[in-house]
């Protein structure tokens, strides 16, 4: 019997302080565990000053967008086909 098929996926978590990424192999069916391929995290502090102004600073938004783009490129280079 052959092992169940997996799909490689990438995810980006955009939080108020860090941005995190995960690339993992996820079984298409069954109860096999998810296998982490790569993970990363970078501080961004997207929420800095938000409670005071109600607005995300442009420079922080730009940094978050750049990090998310870098994470996407890395996930694709590792073979992720779903995000």
N, C-alpha and C. Protein backbone atom coordinates (compact mmCIF):
# COMPACT_ATOMS: atom_id res chain seq x y z
N UNK A 1 0.85 -1.17 0.00
CA UNK A 1 0.00 0.00 0.00
C UNK A 1 0.90 1.24 0.00
N UNK A 2 0.63 2.18 -0.89
CA UNK A 2 1.44 3.39 -0.98
C UNK A 2 1.01 4.40 0.08
N UNK A 3 1.95 5.23 0.54
CA UNK A 3 1.60 6.24 1.54
C UNK A 3 0.63 7.26 0.95
N UNK A 4 -0.17 7.89 1.80
CA UNK A 4 -1.14 8.86 1.30
C UNK A 4 -0.44 10.05 0.66
N UNK A 5 -1.07 10.62 -0.33
CA UNK A 5 -0.52 11.79 -1.02
C UNK A 5 -0.55 13.01 -0.09
N UNK A 6 0.41 13.88 -0.30
CA UNK A 6 0.44 15.12 0.47
C UNK A 6 0.47 16.29 -0.49
N UNK A 7 0.13 17.43 0.03
CA UNK A 7 0.24 18.67 -0.73
C UNK A 7 1.07 19.63 0.09
N UNK A 8 1.99 20.31 -0.56
CA UNK A 8 2.83 21.28 0.12
C UNK A 8 2.13 22.64 0.10
N UNK A 9 1.96 23.20 1.28
CA UNK A 9 1.26 24.47 1.41
C UNK A 9 2.13 25.48 2.14
N UNK A 10 1.83 26.75 1.91
CA UNK A 10 2.51 27.83 2.60
C UNK A 10 1.48 28.72 3.27
N UNK A 11 1.84 29.26 4.42
CA UNK A 11 0.94 30.16 5.14
C UNK A 11 1.75 31.30 5.71
N UNK A 12 1.14 32.49 5.72
CA UNK A 12 1.75 33.66 6.33
C UNK A 12 0.78 34.20 7.37
N UNK A 13 1.27 34.39 8.58
CA UNK A 13 0.49 34.94 9.68
C UNK A 13 0.97 36.38 9.88
N UNK A 14 0.10 37.33 9.59
CA UNK A 14 0.44 38.74 9.76
C UNK A 14 -0.15 39.20 11.08
N UNK A 15 0.73 39.31 12.08
CA UNK A 15 0.29 39.72 13.40
C UNK A 15 0.63 41.18 13.66
N UNK A 16 0.26 41.64 14.82
CA UNK A 16 0.52 43.04 15.15
C UNK A 16 1.99 43.29 15.49
N UNK A 17 2.72 42.25 15.85
CA UNK A 17 4.15 42.40 16.13
C UNK A 17 4.99 41.62 15.13
N UNK A 18 4.90 40.27 15.08
CA UNK A 18 5.71 39.56 14.09
C UNK A 18 4.89 39.15 12.87
N UNK A 19 5.61 38.87 11.79
CA UNK A 19 5.05 38.14 10.66
C UNK A 19 5.71 36.78 10.71
N UNK A 20 4.92 35.73 10.51
CA UNK A 20 5.45 34.37 10.55
C UNK A 20 5.04 33.63 9.30
N UNK A 21 5.87 32.70 8.91
CA UNK A 21 5.53 31.86 7.76
C UNK A 21 5.74 30.40 8.11
N UNK A 22 5.00 29.57 7.42
CA UNK A 22 5.10 28.13 7.59
C UNK A 22 4.92 27.49 6.22
N UNK A 23 5.81 26.56 5.90
CA UNK A 23 5.66 25.71 4.72
C UNK A 23 5.57 24.30 5.27
N UNK A 24 4.54 23.56 4.85
CA UNK A 24 4.32 22.23 5.41
C UNK A 24 3.73 21.29 4.38
N UNK A 25 3.98 20.01 4.60
CA UNK A 25 3.33 18.96 3.80
C UNK A 25 2.10 18.50 4.57
N UNK A 26 0.95 18.61 3.93
CA UNK A 26 -0.32 18.28 4.54
C UNK A 26 -0.90 17.06 3.83
N UNK A 27 -1.24 16.01 4.59
CA UNK A 27 -1.83 14.84 3.95
C UNK A 27 -3.18 15.19 3.31
N UNK A 28 -3.42 14.64 2.14
CA UNK A 28 -4.67 14.93 1.45
C UNK A 28 -5.86 14.23 2.09
N UNK A 29 -5.60 13.15 2.81
CA UNK A 29 -6.68 12.47 3.53
C UNK A 29 -6.07 11.66 4.66
N UNK A 30 -6.91 11.25 5.58
CA UNK A 30 -6.43 10.45 6.69
C UNK A 30 -6.02 11.31 7.88
N UNK A 31 -5.39 10.67 8.83
CA UNK A 31 -5.06 11.37 10.07
C UNK A 31 -3.56 11.52 10.28
N UNK A 32 -2.78 11.38 9.22
CA UNK A 32 -1.34 11.56 9.36
C UNK A 32 -1.05 13.00 9.77
N UNK A 33 0.03 13.21 10.51
CA UNK A 33 0.34 14.57 10.97
C UNK A 33 0.87 15.45 9.84
N UNK A 34 0.72 16.73 10.03
CA UNK A 34 1.31 17.72 9.13
C UNK A 34 2.81 17.73 9.40
N UNK A 35 3.61 17.78 8.34
CA UNK A 35 5.06 17.80 8.50
C UNK A 35 5.61 19.17 8.12
N UNK A 36 6.24 19.84 9.07
CA UNK A 36 6.82 21.15 8.83
C UNK A 36 8.04 21.02 7.93
N UNK A 37 8.09 21.82 6.88
CA UNK A 37 9.23 21.87 5.97
C UNK A 37 10.13 23.05 6.35
N UNK A 38 9.51 24.20 6.60
CA UNK A 38 10.26 25.40 6.98
C UNK A 38 9.34 26.35 7.72
N UNK A 39 9.93 27.11 8.61
CA UNK A 39 9.18 28.16 9.30
C UNK A 39 10.13 29.32 9.52
N UNK A 40 9.54 30.51 9.61
CA UNK A 40 10.34 31.71 9.84
C UNK A 40 9.47 32.75 10.53
N UNK A 41 10.11 33.70 11.14
CA UNK A 41 9.42 34.81 11.77
C UNK A 41 10.30 36.04 11.76
N UNK A 42 9.68 37.17 11.54
CA UNK A 42 10.41 38.44 11.53
C UNK A 42 9.61 39.48 12.28
N UNK A 43 10.28 40.28 13.12
CA UNK A 43 9.56 41.36 13.80
C UNK A 43 9.19 42.44 12.79
N UNK A 44 8.02 42.99 12.96
CA UNK A 44 7.57 44.06 12.08
C UNK A 44 6.94 45.20 12.87
N UNK A 45 6.30 44.86 13.98
CA UNK A 45 5.64 45.83 14.85
C UNK A 45 4.57 46.65 14.11
N UNK A 46 3.81 45.93 13.33
CA UNK A 46 2.75 46.54 12.53
C UNK A 46 1.75 47.32 13.37
N UNK A 47 1.54 46.91 14.60
CA UNK A 47 0.57 47.57 15.46
C UNK A 47 1.13 48.75 16.25
N UNK A 48 2.41 49.07 16.04
CA UNK A 48 3.02 50.18 16.80
C UNK A 48 2.26 51.49 16.54
N UNK A 49 1.80 52.11 17.59
CA UNK A 49 1.10 53.39 17.50
C UNK A 49 -0.36 53.28 17.09
N UNK A 50 -0.81 52.09 16.79
CA UNK A 50 -2.18 51.90 16.30
C UNK A 50 -3.22 52.32 17.34
N UNK A 51 -2.96 52.03 18.61
CA UNK A 51 -3.93 52.39 19.65
C UNK A 51 -4.05 53.90 19.81
N UNK A 52 -2.99 54.62 19.46
CA UNK A 52 -2.98 56.08 19.59
C UNK A 52 -3.60 56.77 18.37
N UNK A 53 -3.25 56.28 17.16
CA UNK A 53 -3.67 56.97 15.94
C UNK A 53 -4.82 56.28 15.21
N UNK A 54 -4.95 54.97 15.42
CA UNK A 54 -5.96 54.21 14.68
C UNK A 54 -5.54 53.90 13.25
N UNK A 55 -4.28 54.22 12.92
CA UNK A 55 -3.78 54.03 11.54
C UNK A 55 -2.45 53.29 11.59
N UNK A 56 -2.27 52.34 10.69
CA UNK A 56 -0.98 51.65 10.56
C UNK A 56 -0.02 52.58 9.83
N UNK A 57 1.18 52.74 10.38
CA UNK A 57 2.18 53.60 9.75
C UNK A 57 2.57 53.05 8.38
N UNK A 58 2.72 53.94 7.41
CA UNK A 58 3.03 53.54 6.03
C UNK A 58 4.33 52.73 5.95
N UNK A 59 5.35 53.15 6.67
CA UNK A 59 6.63 52.43 6.63
C UNK A 59 6.49 51.01 7.17
N UNK A 60 5.68 50.85 8.20
CA UNK A 60 5.47 49.52 8.77
C UNK A 60 4.65 48.66 7.81
N UNK A 61 3.65 49.25 7.17
CA UNK A 61 2.85 48.51 6.18
C UNK A 61 3.73 48.06 5.02
N UNK A 62 4.64 48.94 4.58
CA UNK A 62 5.56 48.58 3.50
C UNK A 62 6.47 47.43 3.91
N UNK A 63 6.97 47.48 5.14
CA UNK A 63 7.83 46.39 5.63
C UNK A 63 7.05 45.09 5.70
N UNK A 64 5.83 45.13 6.19
CA UNK A 64 5.00 43.93 6.28
C UNK A 64 4.76 43.34 4.88
N UNK A 65 4.47 44.21 3.92
CA UNK A 65 4.24 43.75 2.55
C UNK A 65 5.50 43.11 1.97
N UNK A 66 6.64 43.71 2.23
CA UNK A 66 7.91 43.17 1.74
C UNK A 66 8.20 41.81 2.36
N UNK A 67 8.00 41.70 3.67
CA UNK A 67 8.22 40.42 4.35
C UNK A 67 7.27 39.34 3.82
N UNK A 68 6.00 39.69 3.65
CA UNK A 68 5.02 38.73 3.14
C UNK A 68 5.42 38.26 1.73
N UNK A 69 5.90 39.19 0.91
CA UNK A 69 6.35 38.84 -0.44
C UNK A 69 7.56 37.90 -0.38
N UNK A 70 8.50 38.20 0.51
CA UNK A 70 9.67 37.33 0.67
C UNK A 70 9.26 35.93 1.14
N UNK A 71 8.32 35.87 2.09
CA UNK A 71 7.84 34.58 2.57
C UNK A 71 7.16 33.79 1.44
N UNK A 72 6.39 34.47 0.62
CA UNK A 72 5.72 33.81 -0.51
C UNK A 72 6.75 33.25 -1.49
N UNK A 73 7.77 34.04 -1.81
CA UNK A 73 8.82 33.57 -2.72
C UNK A 73 9.53 32.34 -2.15
N UNK A 74 9.81 32.37 -0.85
CA UNK A 74 10.48 31.24 -0.23
C UNK A 74 9.59 29.99 -0.27
N UNK A 75 8.31 30.17 0.04
CA UNK A 75 7.39 29.03 0.01
C UNK A 75 7.32 28.43 -1.39
N UNK A 76 7.25 29.29 -2.40
CA UNK A 76 7.22 28.79 -3.79
C UNK A 76 8.51 28.07 -4.14
N UNK A 77 9.65 28.61 -3.69
CA UNK A 77 10.93 27.97 -4.00
C UNK A 77 11.04 26.59 -3.33
N UNK A 78 10.31 26.40 -2.24
CA UNK A 78 10.29 25.12 -1.54
C UNK A 78 9.20 24.19 -2.08
N UNK A 79 8.50 24.62 -3.11
CA UNK A 79 7.52 23.76 -3.75
C UNK A 79 6.08 23.92 -3.32
N UNK A 80 5.79 24.93 -2.50
CA UNK A 80 4.39 25.15 -2.08
C UNK A 80 3.56 25.56 -3.28
N UNK A 81 2.41 24.94 -3.41
CA UNK A 81 1.49 25.25 -4.52
C UNK A 81 0.17 25.82 -4.04
N UNK A 82 -0.05 25.80 -2.75
CA UNK A 82 -1.28 26.38 -2.16
C UNK A 82 -0.85 27.33 -1.05
N UNK A 83 -1.63 28.42 -0.92
CA UNK A 83 -1.30 29.42 0.09
C UNK A 83 -2.55 29.85 0.81
